[in-house]
PDB file of N, CA and C in Angstrom:
ATOM      1  N   GLN A   1      38.080 105.321  82.224  1.00  0.00           N
ATOM      2  CA  GLN A   1      37.295 104.310  81.526  1.00  0.00           C
ATOM      3  C   GLN A   1      35.829 104.443  81.910  1.00  0.00           C
ATOM      4  N   VAL A   2      34.969 104.346  80.909  1.00  0.00           N
ATOM      5  CA  VAL A   2      33.530 104.405  81.141  1.00  0.00           C
ATOM      6  C   VAL A   2      32.915 103.152  80.543  1.00  0.00           C
ATOM      7  N   GLN A   3      32.128 102.452  81.326  1.00  0.00           N
ATOM      8  CA  GLN A   3      31.398 101.293  80.817  1.00  0.00           C
ATOM      9  C   GLN A   3      29.929 101.654  80.698  1.00  0.00           C
ATOM     10  N   LEU A   4      29.344 101.270  79.577  1.00  0.00           N
ATOM     11  CA  LEU A   4      27.972 101.649  79.262  1.00  0.00           C
ATOM     12  C   LEU A   4      27.123 100.400  79.040  1.00  0.00           C
ATOM     13  N   VAL A   5      25.934 100.408  79.606  1.00  0.00           N
ATOM     14  CA  VAL A   5      25.019  99.270  79.446  1.00  0.00           C
ATOM     15  C   VAL A   5      23.639  99.807  79.074  1.00  0.00           C
ATOM     16  N   GLU A   6      23.180  99.444  77.876  1.00  0.00           N
ATOM     17  CA  GLU A   6      21.864  99.866  77.410  1.00  0.00           C
ATOM     18  C   GLU A   6      20.797  98.866  77.839  1.00  0.00           C
ATOM     19  N   SER A   7      19.578  99.357  77.961  1.00  0.00           N
ATOM     20  CA  SER A   7      18.436  98.504  78.245  1.00  0.00           C
ATOM     21  C   SER A   7      17.188  99.179  77.720  1.00  0.00           C
ATOM     22  N   GLY A   8      16.090  98.406  77.676  1.00  0.00           N
ATOM     23  CA  GLY A   8      14.807  98.987  77.288  1.00  0.00           C
ATOM     24  C   GLY A   8      14.354  98.679  75.882  1.00  0.00           C
ATOM     25  N   GLY A   9      15.179  97.995  75.113  1.00  0.00           N
ATOM     26  CA  GLY A   9      14.776  97.642  73.767  1.00  0.00           C
ATOM     27  C   GLY A   9      13.676  96.594  73.771  1.00  0.00           C
ATOM     28  N   GLY A  10      13.098  96.350  72.587  1.00  0.00           N
ATOM     29  CA  GLY A  10      12.061  95.346  72.473  1.00  0.00           C
ATOM     30  C   GLY A  10      11.309  95.457  71.175  1.00  0.00           C
ATOM     31  N   LEU A  11      10.183  94.777  71.134  1.00  0.00           N
ATOM     32  CA  LEU A  11       9.311  94.762  69.951  1.00  0.00           C
ATOM     33  C   LEU A  11       8.105  95.653  70.211  1.00  0.00           C
ATOM     34  N   VAL A  12       7.824  96.531  69.281  1.00  0.00           N
ATOM     35  CA  VAL A  12       6.706  97.455  69.432  1.00  0.00           C
ATOM     36  C   VAL A  12       6.040  97.650  68.076  1.00  0.00           C
ATOM     37  N   GLN A  13       4.760  97.936  68.100  1.00  0.00           N
ATOM     38  CA  GLN A  13       4.048  98.205  66.849  1.00  0.00           C
ATOM     39  C   GLN A  13       4.325  99.616  66.374  1.00  0.00           C
ATOM     40  N   ALA A  14       4.173  99.811  65.088  1.00  0.00           N
ATOM     41  CA  ALA A  14       4.338 101.150  64.512  1.00  0.00           C
ATOM     42  C   ALA A  14       3.410 102.130  65.214  1.00  0.00           C
ATOM     43  N   GLY A  15       3.956 103.301  65.510  1.00  0.00           N
ATOM     44  CA  GLY A  15       3.212 104.312  66.238  1.00  0.00           C
ATOM     45  C   GLY A  15       3.408 104.257  67.736  1.00  0.00           C
ATOM     46  N   GLY A  16       3.999 103.184  68.209  1.00  0.00           N
ATOM     47  CA  GLY A  16       4.214 103.007  69.630  1.00  0.00           C
ATOM     48  C   GLY A  16       5.438 103.744  70.149  1.00  0.00           C
ATOM     49  N   SER A  17       5.723 103.510  71.427  1.00  0.00           N
ATOM     50  CA  SER A  17       6.824 104.199  72.094  1.00  0.00           C
ATOM     51  C   SER A  17       7.695 103.210  72.858  1.00  0.00           C
ATOM     52  N   LEU A  18       8.944 103.582  72.999  1.00  0.00           N
ATOM     53  CA  LEU A  18       9.896 102.865  73.849  1.00  0.00           C
ATOM     54  C   LEU A  18      10.809 103.892  74.502  1.00  0.00           C
ATOM     55  N   ARG A  19      11.320 103.535  75.663  1.00  0.00           N
ATOM     56  CA  ARG A  19      12.306 104.366  76.333  1.00  0.00           C
ATOM     57  C   ARG A  19      13.545 103.531  76.593  1.00  0.00           C
ATOM     58  N   LEU A  20      14.629 103.923  75.978  1.00  0.00           N
ATOM     59  CA  LEU A  20      15.899 103.254  76.202  1.00  0.00           C
ATOM     60  C   LEU A  20      16.665 103.958  77.321  1.00  0.00           C
ATOM     61  N   SER A  21      17.398 103.170  78.069  1.00  0.00           N
ATOM     62  CA  SER A  21      18.264 103.701  79.116  1.00  0.00           C
ATOM     63  C   SER A  21      19.692 103.245  78.860  1.00  0.00           C
ATOM     64  N   CYS A  22      20.620 104.041  79.295  1.00  0.00           N
ATOM     65  CA  CYS A  22      22.034 103.692  79.208  1.00  0.00           C
ATOM     66  C   CYS A  22      22.674 104.080  80.532  1.00  0.00           C
ATOM     67  N   ALA A  23      23.074 103.065  81.291  1.00  0.00           N
ATOM     68  CA  ALA A  23      23.697 103.293  82.581  1.00  0.00           C
ATOM     69  C   ALA A  23      25.210 103.260  82.440  1.00  0.00           C
ATOM     70  N   ALA A  24      25.858 104.249  83.041  1.00  0.00           N
ATOM     71  CA  ALA A  24      27.310 104.363  82.948  1.00  0.00           C
ATOM     72  C   ALA A  24      27.967 104.098  84.288  1.00  0.00           C
ATOM     73  N   SER A  25      29.103 103.459  84.219  1.00  0.00           N
ATOM     74  CA  SER A  25      29.884 103.238  85.437  1.00  0.00           C
ATOM     75  C   SER A  25      30.852 104.393  85.633  1.00  0.00           C
ATOM     76  N   GLY A  26      31.421 104.483  86.800  1.00  0.00           N
ATOM     77  CA  GLY A  26      32.439 105.490  87.043  1.00  0.00           C
ATOM     78  C   GLY A  26      31.873 106.803  87.523  1.00  0.00           C
ATOM     79  N   ARG A  27      32.793 107.662  87.972  1.00  0.00           N
ATOM     80  CA  ARG A  27      32.384 108.940  88.541  1.00  0.00           C
ATOM     81  C   ARG A  27      32.560 110.095  87.561  1.00  0.00           C
ATOM     82  N   THR A  28      32.831 109.768  86.290  1.00  0.00           N
ATOM     83  CA  THR A  28      33.090 110.823  85.323  1.00  0.00           C
ATOM     84  C   THR A  28      31.963 110.982  84.315  1.00  0.00           C
ATOM     85  N   PHE A  29      30.807 110.424  84.597  1.00  0.00           N
ATOM     86  CA  PHE A  29      29.701 110.465  83.642  1.00  0.00           C
ATOM     87  C   PHE A  29      29.381 111.888  83.231  1.00  0.00           C
ATOM     88  N   SER A  30      29.315 112.784  84.195  1.00  0.00           N
ATOM     89  CA  SER A  30      28.902 114.158  83.900  1.00  0.00           C
ATOM     90  C   SER A  30      29.929 114.928  83.081  1.00  0.00           C
ATOM     91  N   SER A  31      31.117 114.383  82.916  1.00  0.00           N
ATOM     92  CA  SER A  31      32.135 115.043  82.112  1.00  0.00           C
ATOM     93  C   SER A  31      32.127 114.565  80.662  1.00  0.00           C
ATOM     94  N   HIS A  32      31.146 113.725  80.313  1.00  0.00           N
ATOM     95  CA  HIS A  32      31.069 113.176  78.961  1.00  0.00           C
ATOM     96  C   HIS A  32      29.820 113.661  78.234  1.00  0.00           C
ATOM     97  N   ILE A  33      30.016 114.062  76.999  1.00  0.00           N
ATOM     98  CA  ILE A  33      28.891 114.194  76.084  1.00  0.00           C
ATOM     99  C   ILE A  33      28.397 112.783  75.781  1.00  0.00           C
ATOM    100  N   MET A  34      27.085 112.623  75.729  1.00  0.00           N
ATOM    101  CA  MET A  34      26.517 111.304  75.478  1.00  0.00           C
ATOM    102  C   MET A  34      25.765 111.302  74.147  1.00  0.00           C
ATOM    103  N   GLY A  35      25.935 110.220  73.422  1.00  0.00           N
ATOM    104  CA  GLY A  35      25.272 110.099  72.132  1.00  0.00           C
ATOM    105  C   GLY A  35      24.521 108.792  72.007  1.00  0.00           C
ATOM    106  N   TRP A  36      23.544 108.791  71.121  1.00  0.00           N
ATOM    107  CA  TRP A  36      22.833 107.570  70.736  1.00  0.00           C
ATOM    108  C   TRP A  36      23.038 107.363  69.234  1.00  0.00           C
ATOM    109  N   PHE A  37      23.319 106.134  68.872  1.00  0.00           N
ATOM    110  CA  PHE A  37      23.488 105.729  67.483  1.00  0.00           C
ATOM    111  C   PHE A  37      22.647 104.481  67.247  1.00  0.00           C
ATOM    112  N   ARG A  38      22.459 104.150  65.989  1.00  0.00           N
ATOM    113  CA  ARG A  38      21.741 102.916  65.677  1.00  0.00           C
ATOM    114  C   ARG A  38      22.328 102.288  64.415  1.00  0.00           C
ATOM    115  N   GLN A  39      22.144 100.986  64.327  1.00  0.00           N
ATOM    116  CA  GLN A  39      22.653 100.258  63.166  1.00  0.00           C
ATOM    117  C   GLN A  39      21.645  99.207  62.750  1.00  0.00           C
ATOM    118  N   ALA A  40      21.140  99.358  61.549  1.00  0.00           N
ATOM    119  CA  ALA A  40      20.223  98.386  60.974  1.00  0.00           C
ATOM    120  C   ALA A  40      21.023  97.348  60.197  1.00  0.00           C
ATOM    121  N   PRO A  41      20.462  96.159  59.985  1.00  0.00           N
ATOM    122  CA  PRO A  41      21.187  95.108  59.264  1.00  0.00           C
ATOM    123  C   PRO A  41      21.637  95.584  57.884  1.00  0.00           C
ATOM    124  N   GLY A  42      22.902  95.372  57.607  1.00  0.00           N
ATOM    125  CA  GLY A  42      23.443  95.735  56.306  1.00  0.00           C
ATOM    126  C   GLY A  42      23.732  97.205  56.114  1.00  0.00           C
ATOM    127  N   LYS A  43      23.561  97.984  57.168  1.00  0.00           N
ATOM    128  CA  LYS A  43      23.784  99.428  57.058  1.00  0.00           C
ATOM    129  C   LYS A  43      24.858  99.878  58.034  1.00  0.00           C
ATOM    130  N   GLU A  44      25.399 101.059  57.778  1.00  0.00           N
ATOM    131  CA  GLU A  44      26.390 101.620  58.680  1.00  0.00           C
ATOM    132  C   GLU A  44      25.710 102.172  59.933  1.00  0.00           C
ATOM    133  N   ARG A  45      26.493 102.255  60.977  1.00  0.00           N
ATOM    134  CA  ARG A  45      25.995 102.847  62.208  1.00  0.00           C
ATOM    135  C   ARG A  45      25.761 104.332  61.970  1.00  0.00           C
ATOM    136  N   GLU A  46      24.585 104.812  62.412  1.00  0.00           N
ATOM    137  CA  GLU A  46      24.240 106.196  62.156  1.00  0.00           C
ATOM    138  C   GLU A  46      23.879 106.935  63.433  1.00  0.00           C
ATOM    139  N   PHE A  47      24.115 108.217  63.387  1.00  0.00           N
ATOM    140  CA  PHE A  47      23.836 109.104  64.514  1.00  0.00           C
ATOM    141  C   PHE A  47      22.333 109.250  64.701  1.00  0.00           C
ATOM    142  N   VAL A  48      21.905 109.205  65.962  1.00  0.00           N
ATOM    143  CA  VAL A  48      20.515 109.446  66.311  1.00  0.00           C
ATOM    144  C   VAL A  48      20.391 110.786  67.042  1.00  0.00           C
ATOM    145  N   GLY A  49      21.203 110.965  68.074  1.00  0.00           N
ATOM    146  CA  GLY A  49      21.154 112.200  68.828  1.00  0.00           C
ATOM    147  C   GLY A  49      22.251 112.262  69.856  1.00  0.00           C
ATOM    148  N   ALA A  50      22.433 113.436  70.441  1.00  0.00           N
ATOM    149  CA  ALA A  50      23.458 113.632  71.461  1.00  0.00           C
ATOM    150  C   ALA A  50      22.982 114.681  72.457  1.00  0.00           C
ATOM    151  N   ILE A  51      23.588 114.630  73.643  1.00  0.00           N
ATOM    152  CA  ILE A  51      23.224 115.569  74.697  1.00  0.00           C
ATOM    153  C   ILE A  51      24.490 116.058  75.369  1.00  0.00           C
ATOM    154  N   SER A  52      24.495 117.324  75.726  1.00  0.00           N
ATOM    155  CA  SER A  52      25.671 117.932  76.339  1.00  0.00           C
ATOM    156  C   SER A  52      25.870 117.429  77.767  1.00  0.00           C
ATOM    157  N   ARG A  53      27.008 117.800  78.323  1.00  0.00           N
ATOM    158  CA  ARG A  53      27.364 117.317  79.657  1.00  0.00           C
ATOM    159  C   ARG A  53      26.337 117.715  80.714  1.00  0.00           C
ATOM    160  N   SER A  54      25.828 118.907  80.600  1.00  0.00           N
ATOM    161  CA  SER A  54      24.852 119.400  81.583  1.00  0.00           C
ATOM    162  C   SER A  54      23.430 118.980  81.254  1.00  0.00           C
ATOM    163  N   GLY A  55      23.228 118.545  80.014  1.00  0.00           N
ATOM    164  CA  GLY A  55      21.877 118.221  79.563  1.00  0.00           C
ATOM    165  C   GLY A  55      21.152 119.408  78.961  1.00  0.00           C
ATOM    166  N   GLY A  56      21.813 120.535  78.910  1.00  0.00           N
ATOM    167  CA  GLY A  56      21.161 121.744  78.433  1.00  0.00           C
ATOM    168  C   GLY A  56      21.056 121.869  76.936  1.00  0.00           C
ATOM    169  N   SER A  57      21.841 121.078  76.218  1.00  0.00           N
ATOM    170  CA  SER A  57      21.818 121.135  74.753  1.00  0.00           C
ATOM    171  C   SER A  57      21.652 119.745  74.182  1.00  0.00           C
ATOM    172  N   THR A  58      20.883 119.655  73.115  1.00  0.00           N
ATOM    173  CA  THR A  58      20.692 118.393  72.429  1.00  0.00           C
ATOM    174  C   THR A  58      20.800 118.606  70.918  1.00  0.00           C
ATOM    175  N   ARG A  59      21.024 117.508  70.231  1.00  0.00           N
ATOM    176  CA  ARG A  59      21.114 117.552  68.776  1.00  0.00           C
ATOM    177  C   ARG A  59      20.549 116.238  68.256  1.00  0.00           C
ATOM    178  N   TYR A  60      19.798 116.295  67.155  1.00  0.00           N
ATOM    179  CA  TYR A  60      19.129 115.110  66.636  1.00  0.00           C
ATOM    180  C   TYR A  60      19.357 114.966  65.134  1.00  0.00           C
ATOM    181  N   ALA A  61      19.314 113.721  64.693  1.00  0.00           N
ATOM    182  CA  ALA A  61      19.271 113.464  63.263  1.00  0.00           C
ATOM    183  C   ALA A  61      17.910 113.903  62.737  1.00  0.00           C
ATOM    184  N   ASP A  62      17.887 114.350  61.496  1.00  0.00           N
ATOM    185  CA  ASP A  62      16.627 114.815  60.917  1.00  0.00           C
ATOM    186  C   ASP A  62      15.564 113.719  60.918  1.00  0.00           C
ATOM    187  N   SER A  63      15.991 112.480  60.787  1.00  0.00           N
ATOM    188  CA  SER A  63      15.045 111.366  60.686  1.00  0.00           C
ATOM    189  C   SER A  63      14.277 111.117  61.985  1.00  0.00           C
ATOM    190  N   VAL A  64      14.775 111.622  63.103  1.00  0.00           N
ATOM    191  CA  VAL A  64      14.110 111.368  64.387  1.00  0.00           C
ATOM    192  C   VAL A  64      13.642 112.648  65.070  1.00  0.00           C
ATOM    193  N   LYS A  65      13.990 113.771  64.507  1.00  0.00           N
ATOM    194  CA  LYS A  65      13.648 115.047  65.128  1.00  0.00           C
ATOM    195  C   LYS A  65      12.137 115.169  65.290  1.00  0.00           C
ATOM    196  N   GLY A  66      11.715 115.567  66.485  1.00  0.00           N
ATOM    197  CA  GLY A  66      10.294 115.697  66.767  1.00  0.00           C
ATOM    198  C   GLY A  66       9.651 114.427  67.285  1.00  0.00           C
ATOM    199  N   ARG A  67      10.346 113.305  67.168  1.00  0.00           N
ATOM    200  CA  ARG A  67       9.811 112.031  67.661  1.00  0.00           C
ATOM    201  C   ARG A  67      10.634 111.474  68.828  1.00  0.00           C
ATOM    202  N   PHE A  68      11.925 111.698  68.807  1.00  0.00           N
ATOM    203  CA  PHE A  68      12.819 111.171  69.839  1.00  0.00           C
ATOM    204  C   PHE A  68      13.302 112.310  70.738  1.00  0.00           C
ATOM    205  N   THR A  69      13.510 111.972  72.010  1.00  0.00           N
ATOM    206  CA  THR A  69      14.028 112.953  72.970  1.00  0.00           C
ATOM    207  C   THR A  69      15.107 112.316  73.821  1.00  0.00           C
ATOM    208  N   ILE A  70      16.242 112.990  73.893  1.00  0.00           N
ATOM    209  CA  ILE A  70      17.336 112.531  74.757  1.00  0.00           C
ATOM    210  C   ILE A  70      17.329 113.350  76.036  1.00  0.00           C
ATOM    211  N   SER A  71      17.571 112.660  77.138  1.00  0.00           N
ATOM    212  CA  SER A  71      17.719 113.336  78.423  1.00  0.00           C
ATOM    213  C   SER A  71      18.768 112.584  79.233  1.00  0.00           C
ATOM    214  N   ARG A  72      19.215 113.194  80.305  1.00  0.00           N
ATOM    215  CA  ARG A  72      20.195 112.540  81.159  1.00  0.00           C
ATOM    216  C   ARG A  72      19.953 112.938  82.602  1.00  0.00           C
ATOM    217  N   ASP A  73      20.359 112.043  83.492  1.00  0.00           N
ATOM    218  CA  ASP A  73      20.292 112.293  84.927  1.00  0.00           C
ATOM    219  C   ASP A  73      21.692 112.023  85.463  1.00  0.00           C
ATOM    220  N   ASN A  74      22.438 113.080  85.707  1.00  0.00           N
ATOM    221  CA  ASN A  74      23.820 112.918  86.151  1.00  0.00           C
ATOM    222  C   ASN A  74      23.924 112.367  87.573  1.00  0.00           C
ATOM    223  N   THR A  75      22.852 112.458  88.328  1.00  0.00           N
ATOM    224  CA  THR A  75      22.870 111.884  89.675  1.00  0.00           C
ATOM    225  C   THR A  75      22.736 110.363  89.625  1.00  0.00           C
ATOM    226  N   LYS A  76      22.193 109.874  88.507  1.00  0.00           N
ATOM    227  CA  LYS A  76      22.013 108.426  88.340  1.00  0.00           C
ATOM    228  C   LYS A  76      22.951 107.840  87.297  1.00  0.00           C
ATOM    229  N   ASN A  77      23.844 108.679  86.744  1.00  0.00           N
ATOM    230  CA  ASN A  77      24.776 108.224  85.700  1.00  0.00           C
ATOM    231  C   ASN A  77      24.039 107.531  84.559  1.00  0.00           C
ATOM    232  N   THR A  78      22.926 108.123  84.135  1.00  0.00           N
ATOM    233  CA  THR A  78      22.094 107.477  83.134  1.00  0.00           C
ATOM    234  C   THR A  78      21.658 108.484  82.066  1.00  0.00           C
ATOM    235  N   VAL A  79      21.654 108.023  80.824  1.00  0.00           N
ATOM    236  CA  VAL A  79      21.119 108.798  79.719  1.00  0.00           C
ATOM    237  C   VAL A  79      19.957 108.011  79.120  1.00  0.00           C
ATOM    238  N   TYR A  80      18.949 108.749  78.650  1.00  0.00           N
ATOM    239  CA  TYR A  80      17.727 108.127  78.159  1.00  0.00           C
ATOM    240  C   TYR A  80      17.466 108.525  76.707  1.00  0.00           C
ATOM    241  N   LEU A  81      16.746 107.661  76.019  1.00  0.00           N
ATOM    242  CA  LEU A  81      16.261 107.980  74.679  1.00  0.00           C
ATOM    243  C   LEU A  81      14.788 107.606  74.638  1.00  0.00           C
ATOM    244  N   GLN A  82      13.934 108.624  74.688  1.00  0.00           N
ATOM    245  CA  GLN A  82      12.495 108.412  74.583  1.00  0.00           C
ATOM    246  C   GLN A  82      12.126 108.432  73.111  1.00  0.00           C
ATOM    247  N   MET A  83      11.534 107.356  72.649  1.00  0.00           N
ATOM    248  CA  MET A  83      11.190 107.219  71.240  1.00  0.00           C
ATOM    249  C   MET A  83       9.682 107.101  71.095  1.00  0.00           C
ATOM    250  N   ASN A  84       9.092 108.077  70.449  1.00  0.00           N
ATOM    251  CA  ASN A  84       7.657 108.096  70.190  1.00  0.00           C
ATOM    252  C   ASN A  84       7.394 108.023  68.702  1.00  0.00           C
ATOM    253  N   GLY A  85       6.194 107.638  68.343  1.00  0.00           N
ATOM    254  CA  GLY A  85       5.850 107.582  66.925  1.00  0.00           C
ATOM    255  C   GLY A  85       6.776 106.682  66.137  1.00  0.00           C
ATOM    256  N   LEU A  86       7.081 105.530  66.685  1.00  0.00           N
ATOM    257  CA  LEU A  86       8.057 104.653  66.049  1.00  0.00           C
ATOM    258  C   LEU A  86       7.575 104.141  64.699  1.00  0.00           C
ATOM    259  N   LYS A  87       8.518 103.993  63.799  1.00  0.00           N
ATOM    260  CA  LYS A  87       8.253 103.532  62.443  1.00  0.00           C
ATOM    261  C   LYS A  87       9.061 102.263  62.177  1.00  0.00           C
ATOM    262  N   PRO A  88       8.629 101.446  61.238  1.00  0.00           N
ATOM    263  CA  PRO A  88       9.412 100.239  60.918  1.00  0.00           C
ATOM    264  C   PRO A  88      10.866 100.565  60.560  1.00  0.00           C
ATOM    265  N   GLU A  89      11.103 101.689  59.953  1.00  0.00           N
ATOM    266  CA  GLU A  89      12.472 102.057  59.580  1.00  0.00           C
ATOM    267  C   GLU A  89      13.335 102.443  60.779  1.00  0.00           C
ATOM    268  N   ASP A  90      12.748 102.524  61.954  1.00  0.00           N
ATOM    269  CA  ASP A  90      13.526 102.756  63.177  1.00  0.00           C
ATOM    270  C   ASP A  90      14.110 101.459  63.722  1.00  0.00           C
ATOM    271  N   THR A  91      13.743 100.337  63.124  1.00  0.00           N
ATOM    272  CA  THR A  91      14.262  99.048  63.569  1.00  0.00           C
ATOM    273  C   THR A  91      15.777  99.000  63.414  1.00  0.00           C
ATOM    274  N   ALA A  92      16.460  98.698  64.518  1.00  0.00           N
ATOM    275  CA  ALA A  92      17.923  98.690  64.528  1.00  0.00           C
ATOM    276  C   ALA A  92      18.400  98.271  65.910  1.00  0.00           C
ATOM    277  N   VAL A  93      19.695  98.039  66.006  1.00  0.00           N
ATOM    278  CA  VAL A  93      20.340  97.937  67.307  1.00  0.00           C
ATOM    279  C   VAL A  93      20.748  99.358  67.705  1.00  0.00           C
ATOM    280  N   TYR A  94      20.371  99.746  68.895  1.00  0.00           N
ATOM    281  CA  TYR A  94      20.654 101.093  69.384  1.00  0.00           C
ATOM    282  C   TYR A  94      21.804 101.046  70.382  1.00  0.00           C
ATOM    283  N   TYR A  95      22.751 101.963  70.185  1.00  0.00           N
ATOM    284  CA  TYR A  95      23.940 102.033  71.017  1.00  0.00           C
ATOM    285  C   TYR A  95      24.040 103.405  71.677  1.00  0.00           C
ATOM    286  N   CYS A  96      24.464 103.410  72.924  1.00  0.00           N
ATOM    287  CA  CYS A  96      24.854 104.684  73.510  1.00  0.00           C
ATOM    288  C   CYS A  96      26.372 104.781  73.499  1.00  0.00           C
ATOM    289  N   ALA A  97      26.866 106.004  73.509  1.00  0.00           N
ATOM    290  CA  ALA A  97      28.293 106.248  73.406  1.00  0.00           C
ATOM    291  C   ALA A  97      28.658 107.483  74.207  1.00  0.00           C
ATOM    292  N   ALA A  98      29.912 107.542  74.638  1.00  0.00           N
ATOM    293  CA  ALA A  98      30.383 108.651  75.460  1.00  0.00           C
ATOM    294  C   ALA A  98      31.578 109.331  74.804  1.00  0.00           C
ATOM    295  N   ASP A  99      31.550 110.634  74.816  1.00  0.00           N
ATOM    296  CA  ASP A  99      32.630 111.456  74.267  1.00  0.00           C
ATOM    297  C   ASP A  99      33.167 112.322  75.391  1.00  0.00           C
ATOM    298  N   GLY A 100      34.408 112.051  75.812  1.00  0.00           N
ATOM    299  CA  GLY A 100      34.993 112.793  76.917  1.00  0.00           C
ATOM    300  C   GLY A 100      35.863 113.955  76.497  1.00  0.00           C
ATOM    301  N   ARG A 101      36.063 114.125  75.190  1.00  0.00           N
ATOM    302  CA  ARG A 101      37.015 115.134  74.730  1.00  0.00           C
ATOM    303  C   ARG A 101      36.373 116.306  73.990  1.00  0.00           C
ATOM    304  N   GLY A 102      35.213 116.070  73.415  1.00  0.00           N
ATOM    305  CA  GLY A 102      34.636 117.051  72.511  1.00  0.00           C
ATOM    306  C   GLY A 102      34.117 118.299  73.204  1.00  0.00           C
ATOM    307  N   ALA A 103      34.049 119.358  72.411  1.00  0.00           N
ATOM    308  CA  ALA A 103      33.489 120.608  72.894  1.00  0.00           C
ATOM    309  C   ALA A 103      32.104 120.861  72.316  1.00  0.00           C
ATOM    310  N   VAL A 104      31.771 120.124  71.250  1.00  0.00           N
ATOM    311  CA  VAL A 104      30.465 120.261  70.626  1.00  0.00           C
ATOM    312  C   VAL A 104      29.845 118.878  70.480  1.00  0.00           C
ATOM    313  N   LEU A 105      28.564 118.843  70.163  1.00  0.00           N
ATOM    314  CA  LEU A 105      27.850 117.576  70.028  1.00  0.00           C
ATOM    315  C   LEU A 105      28.151 116.984  68.654  1.00  0.00           C
ATOM    316  N   GLN A 106      28.939 115.915  68.667  1.00  0.00           N
ATOM    317  CA  GLN A 106      29.409 115.317  67.427  1.00  0.00           C
ATOM    318  C   GLN A 106      28.432 114.277  66.904  1.00  0.00           C
ATOM    319  N   THR A 107      28.480 114.068  65.588  1.00  0.00           N
ATOM    320  CA  THR A 107      27.609 113.084  64.945  1.00  0.00           C
ATOM    321  C   THR A 107      28.371 111.888  64.397  1.00  0.00           C
ATOM    322  N   ARG A 108      29.702 111.933  64.433  1.00  0.00           N
ATOM    323  CA  ARG A 108      30.504 110.856  63.854  1.00  0.00           C
ATOM    324  C   ARG A 108      30.875 109.830  64.914  1.00  0.00           C
ATOM    325  N   THR A 109      30.839 108.557  64.525  1.00  0.00           N
ATOM    326  CA  THR A 109      31.166 107.503  65.487  1.00  0.00           C
ATOM    327  C   THR A 109      32.595 107.641  65.999  1.00  0.00           C
ATOM    328  N   ARG A 110      33.509 108.113  65.167  1.00  0.00           N
ATOM    329  CA  ARG A 110      34.908 108.185  65.571  1.00  0.00           C
ATOM    330  C   ARG A 110      35.159 109.222  66.657  1.00  0.00           C
ATOM    331  N   ASP A 111      34.210 110.089  66.915  1.00  0.00           N
ATOM    332  CA  ASP A 111      34.383 111.096  67.958  1.00  0.00           C
ATOM    333  C   ASP A 111      34.015 110.595  69.345  1.00  0.00           C
ATOM    334  N   TYR A 112      33.484 109.391  69.414  1.00  0.00           N
ATOM    335  CA  TYR A 112      33.056 108.827  70.691  1.00  0.00           C
ATOM    336  C   TYR A 112      34.039 107.749  71.145  1.00  0.00           C
ATOM    337  N   ASP A 113      34.386 107.802  72.425  1.00  0.00           N
ATOM    338  CA  ASP A 113      35.443 106.948  72.955  1.00  0.00           C
ATOM    339  C   ASP A 113      34.939 105.622  73.493  1.00  0.00           C
ATOM    340  N   TYR A 114      33.750 105.629  74.058  1.00  0.00           N
ATOM    341  CA  TYR A 114      33.226 104.441  74.731  1.00  0.00           C
ATOM    342  C   TYR A 114      31.848 104.102  74.176  1.00  0.00           C
ATOM    343  N   TRP A 115      31.584 102.781  74.099  1.00  0.00           N
ATOM    344  CA  TRP A 115      30.344 102.291  73.516  1.00  0.00           C
ATOM    345  C   TRP A 115      29.727 101.197  74.377  1.00  0.00           C
ATOM    346  N   GLY A 116      28.408 101.155  74.376  1.00  0.00           N
ATOM    347  CA  GLY A 116      27.710 100.050  75.007  1.00  0.00           C
ATOM    348  C   GLY A 116      27.598  98.881  74.040  1.00  0.00           C
ATOM    349  N   GLN A 117      26.952  97.829  74.505  1.00  0.00           N
ATOM    350  CA  GLN A 117      26.840  96.613  73.702  1.00  0.00           C
ATOM    351  C   GLN A 117      25.640  96.649  72.768  1.00  0.00           C
ATOM    352  N   GLY A 118      24.744  97.589  72.973  1.00  0.00           N
ATOM    353  CA  GLY A 118      23.594  97.734  72.106  1.00  0.00           C
ATOM    354  C   GLY A 118      22.350  97.035  72.617  1.00  0.00           C
ATOM    355  N   THR A 119      21.196  97.542  72.206  1.00  0.00           N
ATOM    356  CA  THR A 119      19.922  96.937  72.538  1.00  0.00           C
ATOM    357  C   THR A 119      19.044  96.961  71.282  1.00  0.00           C
ATOM    358  N   GLN A 120      18.368  95.851  71.016  1.00  0.00           N
ATOM    359  CA  GLN A 120      17.593  95.709  69.786  1.00  0.00           C
ATOM    360  C   GLN A 120      16.237  96.380  69.925  1.00  0.00           C
ATOM    361  N   VAL A 121      15.892  97.166  68.926  1.00  0.00           N
ATOM    362  CA  VAL A 121      14.560  97.760  68.811  1.00  0.00           C
ATOM    363  C   VAL A 121      13.962  97.276  67.499  1.00  0.00           C
ATOM    364  N   THR A 122      12.802  96.663  67.590  1.00  0.00           N
ATOM    365  CA  THR A 122      12.116  96.168  66.399  1.00  0.00           C
ATOM    366  C   THR A 122      10.723  96.772  66.353  1.00  0.00           C
ATOM    367  N   VAL A 123      10.414  97.409  65.236  1.00  0.00           N
ATOM    368  CA  VAL A 123       9.119  98.055  65.064  1.00  0.00           C
ATOM    369  C   VAL A 123       8.372  97.320  63.959  1.00  0.00           C
ATOM    370  N   SER A 124       7.237  96.751  64.315  1.00  0.00           N
ATOM    371  CA  SER A 124       6.446  96.003  63.340  1.00  0.00           C
ATOM    372  C   SER A 124       5.409  96.908  62.688  1.00  0.00           C
ATOM    373  N   SER A 125       5.095  96.607  61.452  1.00  0.00           N
ATOM    374  CA  SER A 125       4.132  97.439  60.704  1.00  0.00           C
ATOM    375  C   SER A 125       2.714  96.907  60.841  1.00  0.00           C
TER     376      SER A 125
END
C-alpha cells in the first residue's frame, strides 16, 4: 500500500510558477512509476506527466511540454511537478498517482494503483 499526499497548490497569476510536491508513505516508493494528472471542473481527469522509477525517463502531455518538469527524490519518497509559464487553462485539481506494475510510463488513469487527494491550482488571467 502506498499513501500519497500532495501539497504546493494555490493561486497564481498567468505566467507565474508553482511547484507541487507529492510525499509517499512506505518503503516501496522507488519501485513505483509516478504520474501527475489533473481534473478541471466538468472535465475528465487527464494525464500531465510521468516519471520512471529511477527518474531517468519522463513523459509529458503535449499541453504542458516545455513548461512543466517532473522530478523525484527517492531518498525523500517525494515526486515534484515544477510548473512554469502557467496559463488559465492549467487551472485544475492536480493529483499524483503511483503505478507499481507497469513497465512503461502510462497515460491512462486505470494504469495507476494509488492516488493522492489532490491539490487545487488556480491560474488567474
